Amino acid sequence: MNYIGTLRDQLQSMGKGFIEALPSIAIALFIILLTWIIARFAVRISDMIVGRTEIRTSLKNLVDTVVKLTIWVIGLFIAAVVVMPELTFASLLAGLGIGAVAIGFAFQDIFENFFAGILIMLREKMQIGDVIECEGITGKVEHITLRETHVRKLSGELTVVPNSILFKNPVEILTDVEQRRHDVVVGVSYDTNLDHAADVIRRAVEGVDLVLASKGVDIFAQEFNSSSVDFLVRWWAGAAPRAGWESKDKVVRAIKAALDEEGIEIPFPYVTHTFKETVPISQLGESSKPTP
C-alpha cells in the first residue's frame, strides 16, 4: 500500500477544500465583525431606552448583557450556517443536547455563578453602592457581572467575589436603610447611683449632633463586672460604617466628659497576678520532700 501517495492525496483534497471554503470563511468573518458592531450599537440603544426609566443599575447591566448575548448567538449561528450550509437550527440543538451533560459537569462552577448572577441582578436588595458583609468580607458593592461581584473593602482593596457565594450565604446589607442602631458599653464604679449615672449618660448621648435623639436612646444596666457595673448604651445614627464610627467617637467623648463633670468614676478592671517561686528540693523540709 502506497502510504505516501495516500497521504499526499488527502493533503491535496484538504487544501482544495480549504481554498474552496475561503469565500465562505471570509463572509463568516465579515458577519462576526458586523455582529460585534450591531451588538455595540444595540447596547447603546438599550442604555438610552433603559436610562429613561428608574430601574436599578444591576437590572440595567442585566438588560445590556441579555441584548448583547442574544445578538452574538444569532450572529454566530448565521456565520456557522455560511461556513457549513448543511447546519440547521435543529441539528445545532441536537448537538448541544449531546454535549450538554459533559459541558454541565465540566463547567459546573461557571454555570452556577452565571445563574446566581442573574438572580442577584433580578432581586431588589443589594444594589450597587451598598455596603455589605458576607463570609468575613465587608465592603462597598462596585460592580455586578453575570459571574462575579466586585466589592471594595473599607481598607481600599478590591475583592472579586463569585456570585454563588453571595447567593448561597447570608448577606448583611449595612446600608439598606439610612439609619441603624449603634451601641457601646460603659462601666461605672459600684458606689455610683445607677439611676443618676443613667440620666447623665442619656443627656450626654442626646446632646451629640450625629445622634437621632428622636428615635430614642436606650440605656440598660447590663451586668456586674469585676470592677464595675456595665451599661449598654444604644442610639441611632447613619448606616454607613464611617457614619457609625464618627457617631461612636462623639458619643464616647461626650459620655466621658459628662461622667467626669459629675465625678462618676469609670474604674479600671482589677487584674490578679499569680507569682510562682521555684525552690530547690534540697531547701525543702523533710515533710515537704516528695514521696518516691
Protein backbone atom coordinates (compact mmCIF):
# COMPACT_ATOMS: atom_id res chain seq x y z
CA MET A 1 0.00 0.00 0.00
CA ASN A 2 1.38 3.42 -1.02
CA TYR A 3 1.08 5.38 2.23
CA ILE A 4 2.92 8.41 0.91
CA GLY A 5 0.65 8.68 -2.09
CA THR A 6 -2.48 8.30 0.04
CA LEU A 7 -1.24 10.99 2.44
CA ARG A 8 -0.43 13.29 -0.48
CA ASP A 9 -3.90 12.83 -1.94
CA GLN A 10 -5.52 13.58 1.43
CA LEU A 11 -3.49 16.74 1.90
CA GLN A 12 -4.31 17.91 -1.62
CA SER A 13 -8.01 17.24 -1.01
CA MET A 14 -7.91 19.16 2.27
CA GLY A 15 -6.08 22.07 0.66
CA LYS A 16 -8.55 22.17 -2.22
CA GLY A 17 -11.47 22.10 0.21
CA PHE A 18 -9.93 24.89 2.27
CA ILE A 19 -9.41 27.06 -0.82
CA GLU A 20 -12.99 26.44 -1.92
CA ALA A 21 -14.21 27.39 1.56
CA LEU A 22 -12.21 30.64 1.72
CA PRO A 23 -15.08 32.80 0.34
CA SER A 24 -17.46 31.30 2.92
CA ILE A 25 -14.92 31.85 5.73
CA ALA A 26 -14.43 35.46 4.62
CA ILE A 27 -18.19 36.03 4.64
CA ALA A 28 -18.44 34.40 8.08
CA LEU A 29 -15.69 36.67 9.45
CA PHE A 30 -17.50 39.68 8.00
CA ILE A 31 -20.72 38.53 9.68
CA ILE A 32 -18.87 38.22 13.02
CA LEU A 33 -17.47 41.75 12.60
CA LEU A 34 -20.94 43.02 11.73
CA THR A 35 -22.33 41.23 14.77
CA TRP A 36 -19.78 42.99 17.01
CA ILE A 37 -20.77 46.39 15.57
CA ILE A 38 -24.50 45.69 15.88
CA ALA A 39 -24.06 44.45 19.47
CA ARG A 40 -22.27 47.65 20.48
CA PHE A 41 -24.95 49.88 18.92
CA ALA A 42 -27.72 47.72 20.40
CA VAL A 43 -26.25 48.12 23.89
CA ARG A 44 -26.09 51.90 23.43
CA ILE A 45 -29.71 51.99 22.27
CA SER A 46 -30.66 49.80 25.22
CA ASP A 47 -28.87 52.17 27.61
CA MET A 48 -30.73 55.14 26.11
CA ILE A 49 -34.10 53.43 26.49
CA VAL A 50 -33.49 51.92 29.92
CA GLY A 51 -31.75 55.08 31.12
CA ARG A 52 -35.04 56.94 30.95
CA THR A 53 -36.55 54.56 33.48
CA GLU A 54 -35.85 54.29 37.21
CA ILE A 55 -34.82 50.65 37.35
CA ARG A 56 -31.78 49.61 39.38
CA THR A 57 -28.26 49.70 37.95
CA SER A 58 -27.91 45.93 38.30
CA LEU A 59 -31.03 45.42 36.15
CA LYS A 60 -29.65 47.79 33.53
CA ASN A 61 -26.49 45.70 33.39
CA LEU A 62 -28.59 42.56 33.05
CA VAL A 63 -30.59 44.04 30.15
CA ASP A 64 -27.37 45.08 28.38
CA THR A 65 -25.91 41.60 28.85
CA VAL A 66 -29.04 39.85 27.55
CA VAL A 67 -29.19 42.11 24.47
CA LYS A 68 -25.51 41.59 23.70
CA LEU A 69 -25.71 37.83 24.26
CA THR A 70 -28.77 37.43 22.06
CA ILE A 71 -27.21 39.31 19.15
CA TRP A 72 -23.97 37.32 19.43
CA VAL A 73 -25.81 33.98 19.46
CA ILE A 74 -27.76 34.92 16.33
CA GLY A 75 -24.66 36.28 14.57
CA LEU A 76 -22.53 33.22 15.34
CA PHE A 77 -25.29 30.88 14.18
CA ILE A 78 -25.57 32.74 10.86
CA ALA A 79 -21.78 32.65 10.43
CA ALA A 80 -21.76 28.92 11.14
CA VAL A 81 -24.50 28.31 8.57
CA VAL A 82 -22.49 30.22 5.95
CA VAL A 83 -19.44 28.02 6.56
CA MET A 84 -21.48 24.79 6.92
CA PRO A 85 -24.63 25.08 4.77
CA GLU A 86 -25.91 21.70 5.98
CA LEU A 87 -26.14 23.04 9.53
CA THR A 88 -29.70 23.72 10.70
CA PHE A 89 -31.15 25.01 13.92
CA ALA A 90 -32.50 21.53 14.76
CA SER A 91 -29.11 19.89 14.21
CA LEU A 92 -27.46 22.58 16.32
CA LEU A 93 -29.87 21.91 19.20
CA ALA A 94 -29.27 18.18 18.83
CA GLY A 95 -25.51 18.70 19.01
CA LEU A 96 -25.87 20.91 22.05
CA GLY A 97 -28.09 18.33 23.69
CA ILE A 98 -25.50 15.58 23.24
CA GLY A 99 -22.74 17.61 24.88
CA ALA A 100 -24.89 19.36 27.48
CA VAL A 101 -24.24 16.81 30.23
CA ALA A 102 -20.47 16.79 29.70
CA ILE A 103 -20.34 20.57 29.47
CA GLY A 104 -22.51 20.89 32.57
CA PHE A 105 -20.13 18.77 34.65
CA ALA A 106 -17.03 20.44 33.25
CA PHE A 107 -18.26 23.99 33.79
CA GLN A 108 -20.48 23.45 36.83
CA ASP A 109 -18.98 26.33 38.83
CA ILE A 110 -19.20 28.71 35.86
CA PHE A 111 -22.87 27.94 35.25
CA GLU A 112 -23.62 28.15 38.98
CA ASN A 113 -22.10 31.62 39.19
CA PHE A 114 -23.81 32.63 35.92
CA PHE A 115 -27.33 31.80 37.11
CA ALA A 116 -26.57 33.19 40.58
CA GLY A 117 -25.54 36.46 38.91
CA ILE A 118 -28.85 36.64 37.04
CA LEU A 119 -30.83 36.08 40.24
CA ILE A 120 -28.73 38.64 42.15
CA MET A 121 -29.38 41.23 39.43
CA LEU A 122 -33.11 40.47 39.48
CA ARG A 123 -33.63 40.70 43.23
CA GLU A 124 -34.36 44.07 44.72
CA LYS A 125 -31.86 44.04 47.58
CA MET A 126 -28.06 44.51 47.40
CA GLN A 127 -27.74 47.26 44.86
CA ILE A 128 -24.55 48.80 43.52
CA GLY A 129 -23.27 51.24 46.15
CA ASP A 130 -24.48 49.23 49.16
CA VAL A 131 -22.05 48.28 51.91
CA ILE A 132 -22.37 44.55 52.59
CA GLU A 133 -20.83 41.90 54.83
CA CYS A 134 -20.62 38.25 53.77
CA GLU A 135 -18.26 35.43 54.76
CA GLY A 136 -15.88 37.84 56.50
CA ILE A 137 -15.84 40.29 53.57
CA THR A 138 -17.05 43.82 54.34
CA GLY A 139 -17.10 46.49 51.65
CA LYS A 140 -18.97 48.52 49.06
CA VAL A 141 -20.50 46.85 46.00
CA GLU A 142 -18.96 48.49 42.93
CA HIS A 143 -19.93 46.22 40.04
CA ILE A 144 -22.07 43.14 39.42
CA THR A 145 -21.48 40.87 36.44
CA LEU A 146 -23.02 37.54 35.46
CA ARG A 147 -20.15 35.63 37.08
CA GLU A 148 -18.73 37.79 39.89
CA THR A 149 -19.31 40.82 42.07
CA HIS A 150 -16.66 43.45 42.79
CA VAL A 151 -16.60 44.53 46.44
CA ARG A 152 -14.33 47.39 47.51
CA LYS A 153 -13.25 46.68 51.10
CA LEU A 154 -13.28 49.51 53.64
CA SER A 155 -9.49 49.44 53.68
CA GLY A 156 -9.35 50.07 49.92
CA GLU A 157 -8.67 46.61 48.49
CA LEU A 158 -10.89 45.25 45.72
CA THR A 159 -12.31 41.77 46.35
CA VAL A 160 -13.75 39.78 43.44
CA VAL A 161 -16.46 37.53 44.92
CA PRO A 162 -18.06 34.67 42.93
CA ASN A 163 -21.80 35.23 42.71
CA SER A 164 -22.57 31.77 44.10
CA ILE A 165 -21.04 32.80 47.45
CA LEU A 166 -23.28 35.87 47.69
CA PHE A 167 -26.33 33.86 46.63
CA LYS A 168 -25.90 30.81 48.89
CA ASN A 169 -24.71 32.56 52.05
CA PRO A 170 -26.39 35.18 54.27
CA VAL A 171 -25.52 38.71 53.18
CA GLU A 172 -25.78 41.55 55.70
CA ILE A 173 -26.59 44.83 53.93
CA LEU A 174 -25.38 47.60 56.22
CA THR A 175 -26.80 50.46 54.13
CA ASP A 176 -30.22 49.00 53.34
CA VAL A 177 -31.73 51.90 55.35
CA GLU A 178 -30.37 55.36 56.05
CA GLN A 179 -30.01 54.84 59.81
CA ARG A 180 -29.20 51.89 62.05
CA ARG A 181 -28.59 51.28 65.72
CA HIS A 182 -25.11 51.51 67.27
CA ASP A 183 -24.01 50.63 70.79
CA VAL A 184 -21.19 50.94 73.32
CA VAL A 185 -20.62 49.54 76.81
CA VAL A 186 -19.91 51.98 79.68
CA GLY A 187 -18.82 50.85 83.16
CA VAL A 188 -19.24 52.84 86.39
CA SER A 189 -17.95 52.09 89.88
CA TYR A 190 -20.02 50.09 92.38
CA ASP A 191 -20.54 53.07 94.70
CA THR A 192 -22.33 55.02 91.93
CA ASN A 193 -26.05 55.76 91.98
CA LEU A 194 -27.09 53.90 88.84
CA ASP A 195 -30.20 55.99 88.16
CA HIS A 196 -28.17 59.18 88.30
CA ALA A 197 -25.44 57.69 86.09
CA ALA A 198 -28.03 56.58 83.53
CA ASP A 199 -29.52 60.10 83.39
CA VAL A 200 -26.07 61.64 82.92
CA ILE A 201 -25.23 59.21 80.10
CA ARG A 202 -28.61 59.77 78.43
CA ARG A 203 -28.25 63.56 78.40
CA ALA A 204 -24.71 63.26 77.04
CA VAL A 205 -25.74 60.98 74.18
CA GLU A 206 -28.80 63.02 73.26
CA GLY A 207 -26.60 66.11 73.02
CA VAL A 208 -24.45 64.63 70.24
CA ASP A 209 -25.39 66.17 66.90
CA LEU A 210 -24.95 62.93 64.92
CA VAL A 211 -27.36 61.00 67.15
CA LEU A 212 -31.01 60.80 66.10
CA ALA A 213 -32.47 61.59 69.51
CA SER A 214 -35.99 61.47 68.08
CA LYS A 215 -35.65 57.68 67.66
CA GLY A 216 -34.70 57.27 71.30
CA VAL A 217 -31.59 56.42 73.30
CA ASP A 218 -31.56 53.12 75.22
CA ILE A 219 -29.50 52.70 78.40
CA PHE A 220 -29.61 49.32 80.12
CA ALA A 221 -27.75 48.20 83.24
CA GLN A 222 -26.27 45.10 81.67
CA GLU A 223 -24.11 43.15 84.11
CA PHE A 224 -21.93 43.15 87.24
CA ASN A 225 -18.35 43.17 86.03
CA SER A 226 -15.20 42.54 88.08
CA SER A 227 -14.72 46.22 88.94
CA SER A 228 -17.79 48.00 87.54
CA VAL A 229 -21.47 47.88 86.74
CA ASP A 230 -21.77 47.97 82.95
CA PHE A 231 -24.36 49.91 80.98
CA LEU A 232 -25.28 49.05 77.40
CA VAL A 233 -25.85 52.35 75.56
CA ARG A 234 -27.67 52.23 72.20
CA TRP A 235 -28.53 55.03 69.79
CA TRP A 236 -29.48 55.62 66.15
CA ALA A 237 -27.16 57.25 63.61
CA GLY A 238 -26.13 56.96 59.95
CA ALA A 239 -25.99 53.45 58.50
CA ALA A 240 -22.67 53.74 56.64
CA PRO A 241 -19.65 52.38 58.54
CA ARG A 242 -17.91 55.76 58.67
CA ALA A 243 -21.06 57.44 59.96
CA GLY A 244 -21.22 54.82 62.71
CA TRP A 245 -17.59 55.32 63.67
CA GLU A 246 -17.96 59.10 63.75
CA SER A 247 -21.09 58.95 65.92
CA LYS A 248 -19.46 56.43 68.27
CA ASP A 249 -16.40 58.65 68.61
CA LYS A 250 -18.53 61.64 69.62
CA VAL A 251 -20.73 59.56 71.92
CA VAL A 252 -17.76 58.10 73.81
CA ARG A 253 -16.18 61.55 74.19
CA ALA A 254 -19.47 63.07 75.39
CA ILE A 255 -20.09 60.29 77.93
CA LYS A 256 -16.55 60.54 79.31
CA ALA A 257 -16.80 64.32 79.68
CA ALA A 258 -20.24 64.12 81.33
CA LEU A 259 -19.19 61.44 83.83
CA ASP A 260 -16.01 63.35 84.72
CA GLU A 261 -18.03 66.52 85.30
CA GLU A 262 -20.37 64.66 87.69
CA GLY A 263 -17.50 62.98 89.48
CA ILE A 264 -18.60 59.49 88.41
CA GLU A 265 -15.69 57.12 88.17
CA ILE A 266 -15.06 54.79 85.23
CA PRO A 267 -12.93 52.21 87.06
CA PHE A 268 -10.00 50.24 85.76
CA PRO A 269 -10.55 46.47 85.74
CA TYR A 270 -8.84 44.63 88.54
CA VAL A 271 -6.09 42.30 87.36
CA THR A 272 -4.96 39.48 89.62
CA HIS A 273 -1.36 38.32 89.18
CA THR A 274 -0.20 34.94 90.42
CA PHE A 275 3.51 34.63 91.16
CA LYS A 276 5.20 31.22 91.33
CA GLU A 277 8.55 30.70 93.05
CA THR A 278 10.81 27.76 92.28
CA VAL A 279 12.61 26.31 95.30
CA PRO A 280 15.27 23.58 95.08
CA ILE A 281 14.28 20.27 96.69
CA SER A 282 17.33 20.48 98.95
CA GLN A 283 15.80 23.53 100.69
CA LEU A 284 12.51 21.77 101.46
CA GLY A 285 11.80 20.32 104.86
CA GLU A 286 11.75 16.59 105.42
CA SER A 287 7.92 16.56 105.42
CA SER A 288 7.80 18.56 102.20
CA LYS A 289 10.00 16.29 100.13
CA PRO A 290 8.15 14.23 97.57
CA THR A 291 7.49 10.61 98.43
CA PRO A 292 9.09 8.17 95.97
